[in-house]
Amino acid sequence: MTTIDITEKTLADTLENNDIVFVDFWAGWCGPCRMFAPTYEAASQKHPDITFAKVDTEAEQALAAAAGITSIPTLMAFRDKTLVFSQPGALNATGLEQVIEGVKNLDMAKLRAEAEQQQA
C-alpha cells in the first residue's frame, strides 16, 4: 500500500476505519523530511496491513497545531484510534521497523486497563 495524504477533514475517518495508522508530519522545505520519505514509503509497501499517512504541515497548519507538532518530521502511530507513539526526528529503516513491530505487538486491553486505572 502506498502512503495517503491526510487532511483535517479526513483524519477522523482514517482513524475510525483502520486498526493501525502511522502519520508522518512533514513539509517540502524540510531536508530530514525528504530523507525520511523513501524509508516511510518502503515501509508502507512492506506492511500493507497498516495505513501509512502523511500530513503536509504547510497545507494543514491547523491539524499540525492541533496535534502539537513543534518539530518535523514527527511520526505518530495510532492503534484502535488511540495515540500510542509520537516522536520527532527522522528514523532509519531499522528504527522504523522496530516502531512498527512495537505498535503491532501492543497489548491494547492492558493499555486500556492501565489508562482506566490512572483516571480512577
Protein backbone atom coordinates (compact mmCIF):
# COMPACT_ATOMS: atom_id res chain seq x y z
CA MET A 1 0.00 0.00 0.00
CA THR A 2 1.24 3.47 -0.75
CA THR A 3 1.01 6.38 1.63
CA ILE A 4 -2.11 8.53 1.68
CA ASP A 5 -2.45 12.25 2.31
CA ILE A 6 -4.40 13.22 5.41
CA THR A 7 -6.22 16.48 5.95
CA GLU A 8 -8.12 17.90 8.88
CA LYS A 9 -11.29 16.62 7.17
CA THR A 10 -10.06 13.05 6.57
CA LEU A 11 -8.14 12.30 9.77
CA ALA A 12 -11.11 11.14 11.86
CA ASP A 13 -12.39 8.80 9.13
CA THR A 14 -8.92 7.37 8.59
CA LEU A 15 -8.51 6.61 12.31
CA GLU A 16 -12.05 5.23 12.53
CA ASN A 17 -11.71 2.84 9.61
CA ASN A 18 -8.20 1.44 10.17
CA ASP A 19 -6.75 -0.56 13.06
CA ILE A 20 -3.22 0.83 12.79
CA VAL A 21 -2.40 4.23 11.30
CA PHE A 22 1.04 5.79 11.06
CA VAL A 23 1.13 9.52 10.34
CA ASP A 24 4.20 11.37 9.10
CA PHE A 25 4.03 15.14 9.66
CA TRP A 26 6.36 16.77 7.10
CA ALA A 27 6.99 19.80 4.90
CA GLY A 28 8.53 20.15 1.45
CA TRP A 29 11.27 22.53 2.65
CA CYS A 30 12.42 20.11 5.39
CA GLY A 31 15.59 18.20 4.47
CA PRO A 32 15.20 15.44 7.08
CA CYS A 33 11.56 15.03 5.96
CA ARG A 34 12.68 14.46 2.38
CA MET A 35 15.34 11.98 3.57
CA PHE A 36 12.76 10.03 5.62
CA ALA A 37 10.15 9.88 2.83
CA PRO A 38 11.66 6.92 0.89
CA THR A 39 12.07 4.92 4.12
CA TYR A 40 8.46 5.61 5.07
CA GLU A 41 7.23 4.72 1.57
CA ALA A 42 9.21 1.45 1.62
CA ALA A 43 7.66 0.53 4.98
CA SER A 44 4.19 1.19 3.55
CA GLN A 45 4.93 -1.32 0.77
CA LYS A 46 6.25 -3.89 3.25
CA HIS A 47 3.27 -3.59 5.64
CA PRO A 48 0.03 -3.50 3.60
CA ASP A 49 -1.94 -4.24 6.80
CA ILE A 50 -1.06 -0.77 8.15
CA THR A 51 -2.31 2.58 6.88
CA PHE A 52 0.60 4.96 6.25
CA ALA A 53 -0.45 8.59 6.01
CA LYS A 54 1.30 11.91 5.52
CA VAL A 55 0.32 15.40 6.67
CA ASP A 56 1.85 18.36 4.88
CA THR A 57 2.26 20.76 7.79
CA GLU A 58 2.34 23.75 5.43
CA ALA A 59 -1.02 22.91 3.88
CA GLU A 60 -2.56 21.62 7.11
CA GLN A 61 -1.32 24.11 9.70
CA ALA A 62 -4.43 23.79 11.90
CA LEU A 63 -4.11 20.00 12.00
CA ALA A 64 -0.40 20.21 12.80
CA ALA A 65 -1.14 22.70 15.59
CA ALA A 66 -3.93 20.51 16.99
CA ALA A 67 -1.53 17.56 17.00
CA GLY A 68 1.04 19.61 18.91
CA ILE A 69 3.66 19.38 16.17
CA THR A 70 6.64 21.57 17.04
CA SER A 71 9.35 19.75 15.07
CA ILE A 72 9.30 17.91 11.77
CA PRO A 73 9.39 15.25 10.72
CA THR A 74 7.23 13.87 13.51
CA LEU A 75 5.93 10.33 13.35
CA MET A 76 2.75 9.35 15.18
CA ALA A 77 1.17 5.92 15.41
CA PHE A 78 -2.43 5.17 16.31
CA ARG A 79 -3.81 1.76 17.23
CA ASP A 80 -7.57 1.36 17.63
CA LYS A 81 -7.94 5.18 17.42
CA THR A 82 -5.52 5.62 20.34
CA LEU A 83 -2.24 7.53 20.01
CA VAL A 84 0.41 5.00 21.05
CA PHE A 85 3.59 6.59 19.65
CA SER A 86 4.79 10.10 18.88
CA GLN A 87 8.36 11.10 18.18
CA PRO A 88 10.03 13.91 16.25
CA GLY A 89 13.01 13.16 14.04
CA ALA A 90 13.69 11.00 11.02
CA LEU A 91 14.10 7.29 11.67
CA ASN A 92 16.26 4.93 9.66
CA ALA A 93 14.69 1.76 8.23
CA THR A 94 15.66 -0.36 11.25
CA GLY A 95 14.28 2.16 13.73
CA LEU A 96 11.02 2.49 11.81
CA GLU A 97 10.69 -1.29 11.63
CA GLN A 98 11.16 -1.51 15.43
CA VAL A 99 8.39 1.05 15.97
CA ILE A 100 6.08 -0.80 13.57
CA GLU A 101 6.64 -4.14 15.32
CA GLY A 102 6.19 -2.49 18.72
CA VAL A 103 2.86 -1.00 17.71
CA LYS A 104 1.69 -4.28 16.16
CA ASN A 105 2.59 -6.19 19.33
CA LEU A 106 0.94 -3.82 21.81
CA ASP A 107 -1.49 -5.41 24.23
CA MET A 108 -4.34 -2.94 23.79
CA ALA A 109 -6.50 -4.50 26.52
CA LYS A 110 -3.68 -4.00 29.02
CA LEU A 111 -3.08 -0.47 27.75
CA ARG A 112 -6.77 0.44 28.17
CA ALA A 113 -6.88 -1.10 31.66
CA GLU A 114 -3.84 0.94 32.72
CA ALA A 115 -5.41 4.11 31.32
CA GLU A 116 -8.62 3.45 33.21
CA GLN A 117 -6.66 2.87 36.44
CA GLN A 118 -4.85 6.18 36.03
CA GLN A 119 -8.14 8.01 35.51
CA ALA A 120 -9.72 6.45 38.62
